[in-house]
Amino acid sequence: MSDQTGVLLAILIGVVLIVGIVLLVIPEPSERAVVATERLDVAVLAFRNSSSWRGAEETLRGRVESKLVGEAGVNVFSRSQLDALLIERALGTSGIIDPATAVEIGTLTGVSKLVTGTVYAVDTLSEPTTICVQWDGGNCVEEAAANKYSVKLLAQVEVIDARTGRIEQSTDTSGSAESTVRQGAAFGSYDSLIASAADKVAEQVASHLTSTYTRELRFGLYEGYKVKGEGYIGKGETHRFSASDDVQLIVHFTRVEDGDLFDIQWIDPSGAIVDHAEDVVMDDEWQLYTWDLSTRAPGRYHVQGWIAGSLAFDAPFTVSP
């Protein structure tokens, strides 16, 4: 096989793969809903440090707090919002929170979950390697001596229910980061790598917390739809319908627990529930709900979606004659 034939074959395979992916991917409905199945008012307390790297515990605490701030469905209390004397008394010299103190913190602050833990190792490594300093057509044509610096941060993270004092989650986790620097160039310090490794741990903590205590789904109201694979593609997204239309509600359950109960309630202009549907759903499942408007009076209606007993969305729409 000539080089030209090989290139053409590779391009053809790439095109086929791209077309296959496009055909398989189902566009998400436009609206996103994240709902906490438990109250998630979270405080990230001080972490303990069993490693030899000074300050690693505060770096991790700060990164976890920052990551949780950006998570939908999670309300984070900053350390400044908490009673400093209470926290100092709670942590004492050992850094251990007993159940009674956890409940006291929750009672005085309104926090429902406390996040804390321990950095128990920070492993650093420096080793010789090479780095490419000149490229030509995607190929490295010149290398130079370099040093690779790497960090691995190992931690245990706990989530405590501030209403009961019970440890609900205790997870061992780790994060790594590395940097390759040409010999003779300044490296700086390991602190930036530790911060990057702490970011990886924080992402895992946030993912575990949200997957445990929140649900996520996508939804939209449409004039029509078409079936694609295991899902649906909405046509003519709108919040305005005529009495001759059917409302097409498409829901994609992007993060739920298998066996969660999902309720749909159709509400008329007076606020009365006039129709209802109930399903047991699974993660990554698609559902289509069609509502006939032919017998409905003009006015402003709502459709509500409830997942695991919590309101996920309340979508208004109007019906005209």
C-alpha atoms as a PDB file:
ATOM      1  CA  MET A   1       0.000   0.000   0.000  1.00  0.00           C
ATOM      2  CA  SER A   2       1.426   3.378  -1.000  1.00  0.00           C
ATOM      3  CA  ASP A   3       1.681   6.260   1.465  1.00  0.00           C
ATOM      4  CA  GLN A   4      -0.962   8.187  -0.510  1.00  0.00           C
ATOM      5  CA  THR A   5      -3.385   5.251  -0.392  1.00  0.00           C
ATOM      6  CA  GLY A   6      -2.776   4.893   3.354  1.00  0.00           C
ATOM      7  CA  VAL A   7      -3.545   8.566   3.930  1.00  0.00           C
ATOM      8  CA  LEU A   8      -6.742   8.370   1.875  1.00  0.00           C
ATOM      9  CA  LEU A   9      -7.820   5.253   3.764  1.00  0.00           C
ATOM     10  CA  ALA A  10      -7.179   6.975   7.114  1.00  0.00           C
ATOM     11  CA  ILE A  11      -9.235   9.996   5.995  1.00  0.00           C
ATOM     12  CA  LEU A  12     -12.068   7.730   4.857  1.00  0.00           C
ATOM     13  CA  ILE A  13     -12.100   5.884   8.184  1.00  0.00           C
ATOM     14  CA  GLY A  14     -12.116   9.213  10.023  1.00  0.00           C
ATOM     15  CA  VAL A  15     -15.075  10.478   7.976  1.00  0.00           C
ATOM     16  CA  VAL A  16     -16.997   7.263   8.623  1.00  0.00           C
ATOM     17  CA  LEU A  17     -16.351   7.536  12.367  1.00  0.00           C
ATOM     18  CA  ILE A  18     -17.443  11.184  12.464  1.00  0.00           C
ATOM     19  CA  VAL A  19     -20.638  10.421  10.519  1.00  0.00           C
ATOM     20  CA  GLY A  20     -21.333   7.497  12.847  1.00  0.00           C
ATOM     21  CA  ILE A  21     -20.945   9.681  15.921  1.00  0.00           C
ATOM     22  CA  VAL A  22     -23.219  12.375  14.449  1.00  0.00           C
ATOM     23  CA  LEU A  23     -25.865   9.774  13.677  1.00  0.00           C
ATOM     24  CA  LEU A  24     -25.717   8.360  17.206  1.00  0.00           C
ATOM     25  CA  VAL A  25     -25.634  11.607  19.200  1.00  0.00           C
ATOM     26  CA  ILE A  26     -29.044  12.894  20.284  1.00  0.00           C
ATOM     27  CA  PRO A  27     -29.187  16.682  20.876  1.00  0.00           C
ATOM     28  CA  GLU A  28     -30.088  17.553  24.447  1.00  0.00           C
ATOM     29  CA  PRO A  29     -33.276  19.487  25.261  1.00  0.00           C
ATOM     30  CA  SER A  30     -32.473  23.122  25.931  1.00  0.00           C
ATOM     31  CA  GLU A  31     -33.494  23.395  29.602  1.00  0.00           C
ATOM     32  CA  ARG A  32     -31.387  21.962  32.428  1.00  0.00           C
ATOM     33  CA  ALA A  33     -32.620  21.205  35.942  1.00  0.00           C
ATOM     34  CA  VAL A  34     -30.490  20.185  38.909  1.00  0.00           C
ATOM     35  CA  VAL A  35     -32.319  19.403  42.125  1.00  0.00           C
ATOM     36  CA  ALA A  36     -30.989  18.448  45.539  1.00  0.00           C
ATOM     37  CA  THR A  37     -32.814  15.474  46.993  1.00  0.00           C
ATOM     38  CA  GLU A  38     -31.497  16.592  50.378  1.00  0.00           C
ATOM     39  CA  ARG A  39     -30.807  20.101  51.606  1.00  0.00           C
ATOM     40  CA  LEU A  40     -27.249  20.891  50.559  1.00  0.00           C
ATOM     41  CA  ASP A  41     -26.076  23.849  52.640  1.00  0.00           C
ATOM     42  CA  VAL A  42     -22.420  22.892  52.893  1.00  0.00           C
ATOM     43  CA  ALA A  43     -19.494  24.131  54.962  1.00  0.00           C
ATOM     44  CA  VAL A  44     -15.954  23.018  54.155  1.00  0.00           C
ATOM     45  CA  LEU A  45     -14.064  22.888  57.449  1.00  0.00           C
ATOM     46  CA  ALA A  46     -10.335  22.751  58.052  1.00  0.00           C
ATOM     47  CA  PHE A  47      -8.527  19.655  56.816  1.00  0.00           C
ATOM     48  CA  ARG A  48      -5.971  17.829  58.907  1.00  0.00           C
ATOM     49  CA  ASN A  49      -2.431  17.342  57.611  1.00  0.00           C
ATOM     50  CA  SER A  50      -0.516  14.120  58.218  1.00  0.00           C
ATOM     51  CA  SER A  51       1.925  14.771  55.394  1.00  0.00           C
ATOM     52  CA  SER A  52       5.306  16.464  55.637  1.00  0.00           C
ATOM     53  CA  TRP A  53       4.257  19.255  53.261  1.00  0.00           C
ATOM     54  CA  ARG A  54       3.268  22.320  55.222  1.00  0.00           C
ATOM     55  CA  GLY A  55       0.086  24.064  54.063  1.00  0.00           C
ATOM     56  CA  ALA A  56      -1.190  21.224  51.869  1.00  0.00           C
ATOM     57  CA  GLU A  57      -4.308  20.862  54.013  1.00  0.00           C
ATOM     58  CA  GLU A  58      -5.382  24.496  53.543  1.00  0.00           C
ATOM     59  CA  THR A  59      -4.687  24.289  49.810  1.00  0.00           C
ATOM     60  CA  LEU A  60      -6.986  21.280  49.544  1.00  0.00           C
ATOM     61  CA  ARG A  61      -9.687  22.838  51.732  1.00  0.00           C
ATOM     62  CA  GLY A  62      -9.712  25.983  49.601  1.00  0.00           C
ATOM     63  CA  ARG A  63      -9.865  24.047  46.326  1.00  0.00           C
ATOM     64  CA  VAL A  64     -12.720  21.863  47.548  1.00  0.00           C
ATOM     65  CA  GLU A  65     -14.659  24.934  48.691  1.00  0.00           C
ATOM     66  CA  SER A  66     -14.093  26.746  45.373  1.00  0.00           C
ATOM     67  CA  LYS A  67     -15.168  23.723  43.366  1.00  0.00           C
ATOM     68  CA  LEU A  68     -18.371  23.229  45.362  1.00  0.00           C
ATOM     69  CA  VAL A  69     -19.283  26.908  44.958  1.00  0.00           C
ATOM     70  CA  GLY A  70     -19.636  26.300  41.218  1.00  0.00           C
ATOM     71  CA  GLU A  71     -21.856  23.228  41.563  1.00  0.00           C
ATOM     72  CA  ALA A  72     -25.583  23.591  40.854  1.00  0.00           C
ATOM     73  CA  GLY A  73     -27.799  22.553  43.742  1.00  0.00           C
ATOM     74  CA  VAL A  74     -25.091  23.199  46.365  1.00  0.00           C
ATOM     75  CA  ASN A  75     -25.096  26.258  48.656  1.00  0.00           C
ATOM     76  CA  VAL A  76     -21.659  26.784  50.220  1.00  0.00           C
ATOM     77  CA  PHE A  77     -21.156  28.686  53.470  1.00  0.00           C
ATOM     78  CA  SER A  78     -17.785  30.415  53.575  1.00  0.00           C
ATOM     79  CA  ARG A  79     -15.644  30.054  56.663  1.00  0.00           C
ATOM     80  CA  SER A  80     -16.318  33.720  57.466  1.00  0.00           C
ATOM     81  CA  GLN A  81     -20.048  32.924  57.701  1.00  0.00           C
ATOM     82  CA  LEU A  82     -19.462  30.403  60.487  1.00  0.00           C
ATOM     83  CA  ASP A  83     -18.957  31.044  64.155  1.00  0.00           C
ATOM     84  CA  ALA A  84     -15.166  31.239  64.471  1.00  0.00           C
ATOM     85  CA  LEU A  85     -15.184  30.398  68.164  1.00  0.00           C
ATOM     86  CA  LEU A  86     -17.414  27.409  67.589  1.00  0.00           C
ATOM     87  CA  ILE A  87     -15.202  26.084  64.803  1.00  0.00           C
ATOM     88  CA  GLU A  88     -12.105  26.574  66.931  1.00  0.00           C
ATOM     89  CA  ARG A  89     -13.709  24.715  69.809  1.00  0.00           C
ATOM     90  CA  ALA A  90     -15.002  22.017  67.470  1.00  0.00           C
ATOM     91  CA  LEU A  91     -11.654  21.309  65.927  1.00  0.00           C
ATOM     92  CA  GLY A  92      -9.578  21.760  69.066  1.00  0.00           C
ATOM     93  CA  THR A  93      -6.043  20.503  68.812  1.00  0.00           C
ATOM     94  CA  SER A  94      -6.881  17.131  67.278  1.00  0.00           C
ATOM     95  CA  GLY A  95      -8.933  18.410  64.335  1.00  0.00           C
ATOM     96  CA  ILE A  96     -11.564  15.745  64.993  1.00  0.00           C
ATOM     97  CA  ILE A  97     -15.245  16.675  64.965  1.00  0.00           C
ATOM     98  CA  ASP A  98     -17.396  14.602  67.295  1.00  0.00           C
ATOM     99  CA  PRO A  99     -21.100  13.982  66.478  1.00  0.00           C
ATOM    100  CA  ALA A 100     -22.406  16.352  69.154  1.00  0.00           C
ATOM    101  CA  THR A 101     -20.257  19.222  67.872  1.00  0.00           C
ATOM    102  CA  ALA A 102     -21.319  18.537  64.278  1.00  0.00           C
ATOM    103  CA  VAL A 103     -24.964  18.826  65.323  1.00  0.00           C
ATOM    104  CA  GLU A 104     -24.183  22.020  67.263  1.00  0.00           C
ATOM    105  CA  ILE A 105     -22.586  23.564  64.176  1.00  0.00           C
ATOM    106  CA  GLY A 106     -25.590  22.606  62.075  1.00  0.00           C
ATOM    107  CA  THR A 107     -28.061  23.992  64.618  1.00  0.00           C
ATOM    108  CA  LEU A 108     -26.307  27.363  64.992  1.00  0.00           C
ATOM    109  CA  THR A 109     -25.454  27.955  61.315  1.00  0.00           C
ATOM    110  CA  GLY A 110     -28.162  26.131  59.333  1.00  0.00           C
ATOM    111  CA  VAL A 111     -25.527  24.056  57.538  1.00  0.00           C
ATOM    112  CA  SER A 112     -26.713  20.560  56.592  1.00  0.00           C
ATOM    113  CA  LYS A 113     -23.438  18.959  55.466  1.00  0.00           C
ATOM    114  CA  LEU A 114     -19.891  19.396  56.760  1.00  0.00           C
ATOM    115  CA  VAL A 115     -16.944  18.485  54.533  1.00  0.00           C
ATOM    116  CA  THR A 116     -13.561  17.828  56.106  1.00  0.00           C
ATOM    117  CA  GLY A 117     -10.756  15.299  55.900  1.00  0.00           C
ATOM    118  CA  THR A 118      -7.052  14.599  56.035  1.00  0.00           C
ATOM    119  CA  VAL A 119      -4.119  15.065  53.681  1.00  0.00           C
ATOM    120  CA  TYR A 120      -2.090  12.011  54.587  1.00  0.00           C
ATOM    121  CA  ALA A 121       0.663  12.120  51.946  1.00  0.00           C
ATOM    122  CA  VAL A 122       2.233  14.473  49.418  1.00  0.00           C
ATOM    123  CA  ASP A 123       4.700  12.575  47.253  1.00  0.00           C
ATOM    124  CA  THR A 124       7.094  14.624  45.115  1.00  0.00           C
ATOM    125  CA  LEU A 125       9.452  13.306  42.447  1.00  0.00           C
ATOM    126  CA  SER A 126      12.072  14.767  40.122  1.00  0.00           C
ATOM    127  CA  GLU A 127      13.509  12.638  37.325  1.00  0.00           C
ATOM    128  CA  PRO A 128      15.536  13.286  34.150  1.00  0.00           C
ATOM    129  CA  THR A 129      13.761  13.084  30.806  1.00  0.00           C
ATOM    130  CA  THR A 130      13.769  14.749  27.387  1.00  0.00           C
ATOM    131  CA  ILE A 131      11.601  17.419  25.839  1.00  0.00           C
ATOM    132  CA  CYS A 132      10.959  18.210  22.185  1.00  0.00           C
ATOM    133  CA  VAL A 133      12.260  21.640  21.224  1.00  0.00           C
ATOM    134  CA  GLN A 134      11.603  21.535  17.478  1.00  0.00           C
ATOM    135  CA  TRP A 135       8.745  20.088  15.470  1.00  0.00           C
ATOM    136  CA  ASP A 136       8.379  19.538  11.726  1.00  0.00           C
ATOM    137  CA  GLY A 137       5.092  18.422  10.227  1.00  0.00           C
ATOM    138  CA  GLY A 138       3.893  16.982  13.505  1.00  0.00           C
ATOM    139  CA  ASN A 139       7.122  15.088  14.118  1.00  0.00           C
ATOM    140  CA  CYS A 140       9.742  15.908  16.730  1.00  0.00           C
ATOM    141  CA  VAL A 141      13.066  16.572  15.013  1.00  0.00           C
ATOM    142  CA  GLU A 142      15.095  17.819  17.980  1.00  0.00           C
ATOM    143  CA  GLU A 143      15.036  16.898  21.661  1.00  0.00           C
ATOM    144  CA  ALA A 144      16.801  18.369  24.670  1.00  0.00           C
ATOM    145  CA  ALA A 145      17.538  17.191  28.189  1.00  0.00           C
ATOM    146  CA  ALA A 146      14.873  18.084  30.731  1.00  0.00           C
ATOM    147  CA  ASN A 147      13.585  17.348  34.227  1.00  0.00           C
ATOM    148  CA  LYS A 148      10.093  16.104  34.996  1.00  0.00           C
ATOM    149  CA  TYR A 149       8.635  17.214  38.322  1.00  0.00           C
ATOM    150  CA  SER A 150       5.562  15.415  39.627  1.00  0.00           C
ATOM    151  CA  VAL A 151       3.305  15.464  42.674  1.00  0.00           C
ATOM    152  CA  LYS A 152       0.769  13.014  44.021  1.00  0.00           C
ATOM    153  CA  LEU A 153      -1.547  14.172  46.792  1.00  0.00           C
ATOM    154  CA  LEU A 154      -3.400  11.519  48.787  1.00  0.00           C
ATOM    155  CA  ALA A 155      -6.309  12.424  51.036  1.00  0.00           C
ATOM    156  CA  GLN A 156      -9.313  11.131  52.877  1.00  0.00           C
ATOM    157  CA  VAL A 157     -12.473  13.238  52.610  1.00  0.00           C
ATOM    158  CA  GLU A 158     -15.478  12.961  54.921  1.00  0.00           C
ATOM    159  CA  VAL A 159     -19.023  14.259  54.524  1.00  0.00           C
ATOM    160  CA  ILE A 160     -20.817  14.627  57.872  1.00  0.00           C
ATOM    161  CA  ASP A 161     -24.555  15.137  58.309  1.00  0.00           C
ATOM    162  CA  ALA A 162     -24.795  18.185  60.580  1.00  0.00           C
ATOM    163  CA  ARG A 163     -28.282  17.163  61.695  1.00  0.00           C
ATOM    164  CA  THR A 164     -27.276  13.765  63.067  1.00  0.00           C
ATOM    165  CA  GLY A 165     -23.483  13.951  63.410  1.00  0.00           C
ATOM    166  CA  ARG A 166     -23.198  10.792  61.337  1.00  0.00           C
ATOM    167  CA  ILE A 167     -20.347  10.381  58.826  1.00  0.00           C
ATOM    168  CA  GLU A 168     -22.215   9.713  55.571  1.00  0.00           C
ATOM    169  CA  GLN A 169     -19.211   9.414  53.283  1.00  0.00           C
ATOM    170  CA  SER A 170     -15.545   8.665  53.894  1.00  0.00           C
ATOM    171  CA  THR A 171     -13.579   8.417  50.671  1.00  0.00           C
ATOM    172  CA  ASP A 172      -9.910   7.862  49.943  1.00  0.00           C
ATOM    173  CA  THR A 173      -8.914   9.914  46.934  1.00  0.00           C
ATOM    174  CA  SER A 174      -5.827  11.229  45.165  1.00  0.00           C
ATOM    175  CA  GLY A 175      -4.753  13.761  42.573  1.00  0.00           C
ATOM    176  CA  SER A 176      -1.606  14.083  40.487  1.00  0.00           C
ATOM    177  CA  ALA A 177       0.115  16.814  38.514  1.00  0.00           C
ATOM    178  CA  GLU A 178       3.414  17.137  36.672  1.00  0.00           C
ATOM    179  CA  SER A 179       5.551  19.643  34.807  1.00  0.00           C
ATOM    180  CA  THR A 180       8.484  19.075  32.430  1.00  0.00           C
ATOM    181  CA  VAL A 181      11.135  21.802  32.299  1.00  0.00           C
ATOM    182  CA  ARG A 182      14.167  21.967  30.039  1.00  0.00           C
ATOM    183  CA  GLN A 183      17.405  21.666  31.938  1.00  0.00           C
ATOM    184  CA  GLY A 184      18.738  25.099  32.786  1.00  0.00           C
ATOM    185  CA  ALA A 185      15.249  26.655  32.928  1.00  0.00           C
ATOM    186  CA  ALA A 186      13.682  27.671  36.228  1.00  0.00           C
ATOM    187  CA  PHE A 187      11.113  25.267  37.675  1.00  0.00           C
ATOM    188  CA  GLY A 188       9.691  27.432  40.432  1.00  0.00           C
ATOM    189  CA  SER A 189       8.298  25.208  43.195  1.00  0.00           C
ATOM    190  CA  TYR A 190       6.102  22.247  43.891  1.00  0.00           C
ATOM    191  CA  ASP A 191       3.385  24.485  45.336  1.00  0.00           C
ATOM    192  CA  SER A 192       1.696  25.065  41.975  1.00  0.00           C
ATOM    193  CA  LEU A 193       1.721  21.320  41.273  1.00  0.00           C
ATOM    194  CA  ILE A 194       0.208  20.621  44.683  1.00  0.00           C
ATOM    195  CA  ALA A 195      -2.548  23.127  43.887  1.00  0.00           C
ATOM    196  CA  SER A 196      -3.211  21.377  40.562  1.00  0.00           C
ATOM    197  CA  ALA A 197      -3.286  17.993  42.285  1.00  0.00           C
ATOM    198  CA  ALA A 198      -5.685  19.416  44.885  1.00  0.00           C
ATOM    199  CA  ASP A 199      -7.932  20.579  42.023  1.00  0.00           C
ATOM    200  CA  LYS A 200      -8.161  16.956  40.824  1.00  0.00           C
ATOM    201  CA  VAL A 201      -9.157  15.827  44.326  1.00  0.00           C
ATOM    202  CA  ALA A 202     -11.710  18.652  44.576  1.00  0.00           C
ATOM    203  CA  GLU A 203     -13.290  17.578  41.277  1.00  0.00           C
ATOM    204  CA  GLN A 204     -13.699  14.047  42.615  1.00  0.00           C
ATOM    205  CA  VAL A 205     -15.199  15.313  45.886  1.00  0.00           C
ATOM    206  CA  ALA A 206     -17.691  17.541  44.051  1.00  0.00           C
ATOM    207  CA  SER A 207     -18.632  14.758  41.633  1.00  0.00           C
ATOM    208  CA  HIS A 208     -19.209  12.295  44.454  1.00  0.00           C
ATOM    209  CA  LEU A 209     -21.235  14.801  46.467  1.00  0.00           C
ATOM    210  CA  THR A 210     -23.479  15.856  43.587  1.00  0.00           C
ATOM    211  CA  SER A 211     -24.011  12.296  42.331  1.00  0.00           C
ATOM    212  CA  THR A 212     -25.106  11.255  45.831  1.00  0.00           C
ATOM    213  CA  TYR A 213     -27.343  14.158  46.779  1.00  0.00           C
ATOM    214  CA  THR A 214     -28.536  15.707  43.503  1.00  0.00           C
ATOM    215  CA  ARG A 215     -30.359  14.679  40.346  1.00  0.00           C
ATOM    216  CA  GLU A 216     -30.017  16.260  36.904  1.00  0.00           C
ATOM    217  CA  LEU A 217     -32.269  16.205  33.867  1.00  0.00           C
ATOM    218  CA  ARG A 218     -32.828  18.080  30.612  1.00  0.00           C
ATOM    219  CA  PHE A 219     -36.274  19.019  29.305  1.00  0.00           C
ATOM    220  CA  GLY A 220     -38.107  21.100  26.723  1.00  0.00           C
ATOM    221  CA  LEU A 221     -41.582  21.856  25.341  1.00  0.00           C
ATOM    222  CA  TYR A 222     -42.073  21.328  21.605  1.00  0.00           C
ATOM    223  CA  GLU A 223     -44.704  21.353  18.864  1.00  0.00           C
ATOM    224  CA  GLY A 224     -43.464  18.021  17.491  1.00  0.00           C
ATOM    225  CA  TYR A 225     -40.700  15.453  17.716  1.00  0.00           C
ATOM    226  CA  LYS A 226     -38.904  12.664  15.953  1.00  0.00           C
ATOM    227  CA  VAL A 227     -37.431   9.475  17.331  1.00  0.00           C
ATOM    228  CA  LYS A 228     -33.667   9.014  17.196  1.00  0.00           C
ATOM    229  CA  GLY A 229     -32.095   5.901  18.642  1.00  0.00           C
ATOM    230  CA  GLU A 230     -33.275   5.544  22.228  1.00  0.00           C
ATOM    231  CA  GLY A 231     -34.299   9.197  22.491  1.00  0.00           C
ATOM    232  CA  TYR A 232     -36.264  12.053  20.952  1.00  0.00           C
ATOM    233  CA  ILE A 233     -35.436  15.247  19.070  1.00  0.00           C
ATOM    234  CA  GLY A 234     -37.869  18.101  19.634  1.00  0.00           C
ATOM    235  CA  LYS A 235     -39.211  20.186  16.736  1.00  0.00           C
ATOM    236  CA  GLY A 236     -40.382  23.765  17.197  1.00  0.00           C
ATOM    237  CA  GLU A 237     -39.487  24.517  20.808  1.00  0.00           C
ATOM    238  CA  THR A 238     -42.071  26.937  22.185  1.00  0.00           C
ATOM    239  CA  HIS A 239     -44.108  28.049  25.182  1.00  0.00           C
ATOM    240  CA  ARG A 240     -47.097  29.102  23.055  1.00  0.00           C
ATOM    241  CA  PHE A 241     -49.597  26.574  21.742  1.00  0.00           C
ATOM    242  CA  SER A 242     -53.048  26.663  20.146  1.00  0.00           C
ATOM    243  CA  ALA A 243     -55.975  24.500  21.176  1.00  0.00           C
ATOM    244  CA  SER A 244     -55.443  22.400  18.056  1.00  0.00           C
ATOM    245  CA  ASP A 245     -51.908  21.438  19.152  1.00  0.00           C
ATOM    246  CA  ASP A 246     -50.467  18.775  21.380  1.00  0.00           C
ATOM    247  CA  VAL A 247     -47.762  19.738  23.874  1.00  0.00           C
ATOM    248  CA  GLN A 248     -44.724  17.519  23.483  1.00  0.00           C
ATOM    249  CA  LEU A 249     -42.599  17.396  26.637  1.00  0.00           C
ATOM    250  CA  ILE A 250     -39.233  15.667  26.167  1.00  0.00           C
ATOM    251  CA  VAL A 251     -37.214  14.721  29.255  1.00  0.00           C
ATOM    252  CA  HIS A 252     -33.715  13.219  29.362  1.00  0.00           C
ATOM    253  CA  PHE A 253     -32.623  11.932  32.777  1.00  0.00           C
ATOM    254  CA  THR A 254     -28.903  12.718  32.652  1.00  0.00           C
ATOM    255  CA  ARG A 255     -28.098  11.887  36.290  1.00  0.00           C
ATOM    256  CA  VAL A 256     -30.599   9.990  38.415  1.00  0.00           C
ATOM    257  CA  GLU A 257     -30.662   6.875  40.533  1.00  0.00           C
ATOM    258  CA  ASP A 258     -32.135   3.840  38.806  1.00  0.00           C
ATOM    259  CA  GLY A 259     -35.603   3.362  40.264  1.00  0.00           C
ATOM    260  CA  ASP A 260     -36.210   7.053  41.038  1.00  0.00           C
ATOM    261  CA  LEU A 261     -39.861   8.076  40.892  1.00  0.00           C
ATOM    262  CA  PHE A 262     -40.649  10.821  38.361  1.00  0.00           C
ATOM    263  CA  ASP A 263     -43.992  12.659  38.444  1.00  0.00           C
ATOM    264  CA  ILE A 264     -45.496  14.946  35.818  1.00  0.00           C
ATOM    265  CA  GLN A 265     -48.310  17.334  36.796  1.00  0.00           C
ATOM    266  CA  TRP A 266     -50.270  19.407  34.273  1.00  0.00           C
ATOM    267  CA  ILE A 267     -51.738  22.493  35.973  1.00  0.00           C
ATOM    268  CA  ASP A 268     -54.522  24.700  34.581  1.00  0.00           C
ATOM    269  CA  PRO A 269     -54.862  28.515  34.906  1.00  0.00           C
ATOM    270  CA  SER A 270     -56.731  28.147  38.223  1.00  0.00           C
ATOM    271  CA  GLY A 271     -53.816  26.239  39.753  1.00  0.00           C
ATOM    272  CA  ALA A 272     -55.606  22.893  39.779  1.00  0.00           C
ATOM    273  CA  ILE A 273     -53.801  19.701  38.771  1.00  0.00           C
ATOM    274  CA  VAL A 274     -55.818  18.454  35.789  1.00  0.00           C
ATOM    275  CA  ASP A 275     -53.616  15.591  34.620  1.00  0.00           C
ATOM    276  CA  HIS A 276     -50.850  13.475  36.067  1.00  0.00           C
ATOM    277  CA  ALA A 277     -48.313  10.860  34.988  1.00  0.00           C
ATOM    278  CA  GLU A 278     -45.890   8.787  37.049  1.00  0.00           C
ATOM    279  CA  ASP A 279     -42.853   6.799  35.946  1.00  0.00           C
ATOM    280  CA  VAL A 280     -40.017   4.839  37.486  1.00  0.00           C
ATOM    281  CA  VAL A 281     -36.927   6.054  35.619  1.00  0.00           C
ATOM    282  CA  MET A 282     -33.310   5.080  35.054  1.00  0.00           C
ATOM    283  CA  ASP A 283     -30.103   6.992  34.419  1.00  0.00           C
ATOM    284  CA  ASP A 284     -29.732   8.180  30.783  1.00  0.00           C
ATOM    285  CA  GLU A 285     -33.364   7.343  29.990  1.00  0.00           C
ATOM    286  CA  TRP A 286     -35.485   9.441  27.619  1.00  0.00           C
ATOM    287  CA  GLN A 287     -39.213  10.019  28.113  1.00  0.00           C
ATOM    288  CA  LEU A 288     -41.835  11.683  25.907  1.00  0.00           C
ATOM    289  CA  TYR A 289     -45.055  13.094  27.398  1.00  0.00           C
ATOM    290  CA  THR A 290     -47.802  14.226  25.009  1.00  0.00           C
ATOM    291  CA  TRP A 291     -50.665  16.367  26.313  1.00  0.00           C
ATOM    292  CA  ASP A 292     -53.799  16.920  24.234  1.00  0.00           C
ATOM    293  CA  LEU A 293     -55.019  20.542  24.259  1.00  0.00           C
ATOM    294  CA  SER A 294     -58.224  20.059  22.241  1.00  0.00           C
ATOM    295  CA  THR A 295     -60.442  20.189  25.357  1.00  0.00           C
ATOM    296  CA  ARG A 296     -58.485  22.889  27.153  1.00  0.00           C
ATOM    297  CA  ALA A 297     -59.652  26.473  27.577  1.00  0.00           C
ATOM    298  CA  PRO A 298     -57.308  29.296  26.586  1.00  0.00           C
ATOM    299  CA  GLY A 299     -55.022  30.537  29.341  1.00  0.00           C
ATOM    300  CA  ARG A 300     -51.696  30.103  31.067  1.00  0.00           C
ATOM    301  CA  TYR A 301     -50.798  26.548  32.088  1.00  0.00           C
ATOM    302  CA  HIS A 302     -47.851  24.894  33.818  1.00  0.00           C
ATOM    303  CA  VAL A 303     -46.224  21.513  33.686  1.00  0.00           C
ATOM    304  CA  GLN A 304     -44.197  20.427  36.699  1.00  0.00           C
ATOM    305  CA  GLY A 305     -41.658  17.641  36.914  1.00  0.00           C
ATOM    306  CA  TRP A 306     -40.870  16.033  40.276  1.00  0.00           C
ATOM    307  CA  ILE A 307     -37.919  13.655  40.756  1.00  0.00           C
ATOM    308  CA  ALA A 308     -37.496  11.587  43.924  1.00  0.00           C
ATOM    309  CA  GLY A 309     -40.086  13.786  45.654  1.00  0.00           C
ATOM    310  CA  SER A 310     -38.388  17.116  44.811  1.00  0.00           C
ATOM    311  CA  LEU A 311     -39.551  19.720  42.288  1.00  0.00           C
ATOM    312  CA  ALA A 312     -37.167  19.686  39.316  1.00  0.00           C
ATOM    313  CA  PHE A 313     -38.892  22.167  37.009  1.00  0.00           C
ATOM    314  CA  ASP A 314     -42.026  24.266  36.579  1.00  0.00           C
ATOM    315  CA  ALA A 315     -42.459  25.172  32.894  1.00  0.00           C
ATOM    316  CA  PRO A 316     -45.220  27.663  32.001  1.00  0.00           C
ATOM    317  CA  PHE A 317     -46.925  27.761  28.610  1.00  0.00           C
ATOM    318  CA  THR A 318     -49.928  29.503  27.110  1.00  0.00           C
ATOM    319  CA  VAL A 319     -52.830  28.076  25.137  1.00  0.00           C
ATOM    320  CA  SER A 320     -54.642  30.314  22.664  1.00  0.00           C
ATOM    321  CA  PRO A 321     -57.966  29.612  20.876  1.00  0.00           C
END
